[in-house]
Amino acid sequence: MSNSASLFAPRGDTAAVEEGDRLSPKFDADGLITAVAVDADDGAVLMVAHMDAHALALTIETGEAHYYSRSRRKLWKKGEESGHVQKLVELSVDCDQDAVVMRVRMGGTGAACHTGHRSCFFRSVPLGNVPSPELRLAVNDSGKLFDPAQVYGAPKKTDTPRF
């Protein structure tokens, strides 16, 4: 793999960043950029995660999504344990280059979420007249595509999600 720093142009003035033709991502104070994965065919939002420079470079070079896990504090390739690899179709950067959107095709069962659902956004918040005292989320998909316990093992109370 090439040195990730050599793939990215230095951040220039606003016009160069917002209108230019060089990739110069703006990583936050933790060295991360927001990454949104959407289904390449129907546009459904599958997940939102973060990338550091290494993950972004690996994603560009391999054509498979890599992320930085904030909870585990390490690089991870999507699907490395589950087989639910995300193959890149397109990678877009927003105007100020502090977020990317990836159009992907899912491998395995097609589930992007470690809970077994197709999308990490499998619940909806009811709008309008909300009953009290607490807000209840509604499941908005047809159910799990795989059993996380079979793929990842039985979770312990202290476990952080594995993707």
Protein backbone atom coordinates (compact mmCIF):
# COMPACT_ATOMS: atom_id res chain seq x y z
CA MET A 1 0.00 0.00 0.00
CA SER A 2 1.16 3.51 -0.70
CA ASN A 3 1.74 5.97 2.06
CA SER A 4 -1.73 7.38 2.74
CA ALA A 5 -0.35 10.89 3.17
CA SER A 6 0.98 10.81 -0.39
CA LEU A 7 -2.51 10.09 -1.77
CA PHE A 8 -3.97 13.29 -0.37
CA ALA A 9 -3.17 16.83 -1.40
CA PRO A 10 -2.43 19.37 1.29
CA ARG A 11 -5.42 21.48 2.28
CA GLY A 12 -5.29 24.66 0.27
CA ASP A 13 -7.44 27.73 0.27
CA THR A 14 -11.23 27.42 0.31
CA ALA A 15 -11.57 27.64 -3.48
CA ALA A 16 -9.03 24.85 -4.00
CA VAL A 17 -10.73 22.59 -1.45
CA GLU A 18 -14.31 23.31 -2.50
CA GLU A 19 -13.91 23.52 -6.27
CA GLY A 20 -10.54 21.96 -7.08
CA ASP A 21 -9.68 18.55 -8.45
CA ARG A 22 -7.42 17.29 -5.64
CA LEU A 23 -8.48 15.04 -2.79
CA SER A 24 -7.51 16.83 0.42
CA PRO A 25 -9.74 15.41 3.16
CA LYS A 26 -10.34 17.36 6.34
CA PHE A 27 -9.94 14.96 9.22
CA ASP A 28 -11.33 16.05 12.60
CA ALA A 29 -9.32 16.54 15.80
CA ASP A 30 -9.26 12.76 16.29
CA GLY A 31 -7.94 12.23 12.75
CA LEU A 32 -11.28 10.92 11.44
CA ILE A 33 -13.66 11.69 8.60
CA THR A 34 -17.34 10.67 8.48
CA ALA A 35 -18.15 7.95 5.94
CA VAL A 36 -21.68 7.10 4.79
CA ALA A 37 -22.29 3.81 2.97
CA VAL A 38 -25.34 3.63 0.70
CA ASP A 39 -26.63 0.76 -1.42
CA ALA A 40 -25.38 1.23 -4.99
CA ASP A 41 -28.66 0.02 -6.46
CA ASP A 42 -31.48 1.53 -4.40
CA GLY A 43 -29.71 4.34 -2.52
CA ALA A 44 -30.70 3.10 0.95
CA VAL A 45 -28.41 4.38 3.70
CA LEU A 46 -26.71 1.28 5.09
CA MET A 47 -24.39 2.71 7.73
CA VAL A 48 -22.40 5.68 8.96
CA ALA A 49 -18.90 5.14 10.30
CA HIS A 50 -15.53 6.88 10.42
CA MET A 51 -12.26 6.56 8.56
CA ASP A 52 -8.77 7.66 9.41
CA ALA A 53 -6.26 8.41 6.64
CA HIS A 54 -5.14 4.78 6.53
CA ALA A 55 -8.71 3.44 6.21
CA LEU A 56 -9.55 5.96 3.48
CA ALA A 57 -6.39 5.09 1.56
CA LEU A 58 -7.05 1.34 1.86
CA THR A 59 -10.64 1.85 0.71
CA ILE A 60 -9.48 3.75 -2.37
CA GLU A 61 -6.71 1.28 -3.18
CA THR A 62 -8.58 -1.99 -2.60
CA GLY A 63 -12.11 -1.04 -3.65
CA GLU A 64 -13.41 -2.50 -0.38
CA ALA A 65 -14.59 -0.43 2.58
CA HIS A 66 -12.24 -0.05 5.53
CA TYR A 67 -13.10 1.97 8.62
CA TYR A 68 -11.61 3.09 11.89
CA SER A 69 -13.46 1.73 14.91
CA ARG A 70 -13.70 4.41 17.58
CA SER A 71 -14.85 1.89 20.19
CA ARG A 72 -12.05 -0.59 19.50
CA ARG A 73 -9.55 2.10 18.48
CA LYS A 74 -8.33 0.21 15.43
CA LEU A 75 -8.66 -0.20 11.69
CA TRP A 76 -11.22 -2.73 10.46
CA LYS A 77 -12.24 -4.02 7.09
CA LYS A 78 -16.02 -4.21 6.78
CA GLY A 79 -16.94 -7.89 6.65
CA GLU A 80 -13.63 -9.23 7.92
CA GLU A 81 -15.48 -11.44 10.42
CA SER A 82 -18.97 -11.66 8.94
CA GLY A 83 -18.27 -11.90 5.22
CA HIS A 84 -20.42 -8.81 4.64
CA VAL A 85 -17.73 -7.02 2.65
CA GLN A 86 -18.64 -3.72 1.03
CA LYS A 87 -17.41 -3.45 -2.58
CA LEU A 88 -17.08 0.15 -3.72
CA VAL A 89 -18.92 1.32 -6.80
CA GLU A 90 -18.26 5.02 -6.23
CA LEU A 91 -16.70 7.23 -3.58
CA SER A 92 -17.79 10.88 -3.41
CA VAL A 93 -16.51 13.65 -1.20
CA ASP A 94 -18.58 16.62 -0.02
CA CYS A 95 -17.73 20.23 -0.90
CA ASP A 96 -15.43 20.93 2.05
CA GLN A 97 -14.05 17.39 2.00
CA ASP A 98 -14.93 16.50 5.60
CA ALA A 99 -17.25 13.60 4.73
CA VAL A 100 -17.44 10.86 2.12
CA VAL A 101 -20.36 8.92 0.67
CA MET A 102 -19.68 5.48 -0.72
CA ARG A 103 -22.01 3.66 -3.06
CA VAL A 104 -21.42 -0.01 -2.24
CA ARG A 105 -22.58 -3.50 -3.03
CA MET A 106 -22.88 -5.72 0.02
CA GLY A 107 -21.41 -9.20 0.17
CA GLY A 108 -22.67 -12.12 2.20
CA THR A 109 -26.31 -11.94 3.23
CA GLY A 110 -26.51 -8.27 2.23
CA ALA A 111 -26.65 -7.09 5.83
CA ALA A 112 -24.56 -4.03 6.66
CA CYS A 113 -25.43 -3.91 10.36
CA HIS A 114 -23.72 -6.07 12.98
CA THR A 115 -27.18 -6.64 14.52
CA GLY A 116 -28.18 -8.67 11.45
CA HIS A 117 -30.31 -6.02 9.76
CA ARG A 118 -29.72 -4.83 6.19
CA SER A 119 -29.12 -1.26 7.40
CA CYS A 120 -27.93 0.18 10.68
CA PHE A 121 -30.93 2.50 10.27
CA PHE A 122 -33.55 -0.21 10.81
CA ARG A 123 -35.62 1.81 13.31
CA SER A 124 -37.67 4.96 12.84
CA VAL A 125 -38.59 7.72 15.24
CA PRO A 126 -42.33 8.45 15.24
CA LEU A 127 -43.09 12.04 14.26
CA GLY A 128 -45.94 14.28 15.30
CA ASN A 129 -48.08 13.42 18.29
CA VAL A 130 -45.64 11.40 20.39
CA PRO A 131 -47.01 9.43 23.33
CA SER A 132 -45.41 10.01 26.69
CA PRO A 133 -43.59 9.40 28.93
CA GLU A 134 -40.98 7.92 26.56
CA LEU A 135 -40.47 7.74 22.84
CA ARG A 136 -40.69 4.25 21.29
CA LEU A 137 -38.77 3.38 18.14
CA ALA A 138 -40.45 1.42 15.34
CA VAL A 139 -38.63 -1.28 13.37
CA ASN A 140 -38.83 -0.30 9.70
CA ASP A 141 -37.45 -3.34 7.89
CA SER A 142 -38.44 -6.95 7.33
CA GLY A 143 -36.15 -8.35 10.02
CA LYS A 144 -32.67 -9.73 10.45
CA LEU A 145 -30.79 -11.28 7.54
CA PHE A 146 -28.44 -13.27 9.79
CA ASP A 147 -28.06 -14.29 13.42
CA PRO A 148 -25.27 -12.22 15.01
CA ALA A 149 -24.68 -14.86 17.72
CA GLN A 150 -23.83 -17.43 15.04
CA VAL A 151 -21.50 -15.05 13.20
CA TYR A 152 -19.80 -13.27 16.10
CA GLY A 153 -20.49 -15.57 19.04
CA ALA A 154 -22.59 -14.77 22.07
CA PRO A 155 -21.96 -11.17 23.14
CA LYS A 156 -20.73 -10.43 26.63
CA LYS A 157 -22.09 -7.44 28.47
CA THR A 158 -18.76 -5.65 28.06
CA ASP A 159 -18.34 -6.45 24.36
CA THR A 160 -18.27 -3.66 21.83
CA PRO A 161 -19.83 -4.38 18.45
CA ARG A 162 -17.70 -6.29 15.95
CA PHE A 163 -18.29 -5.68 12.30
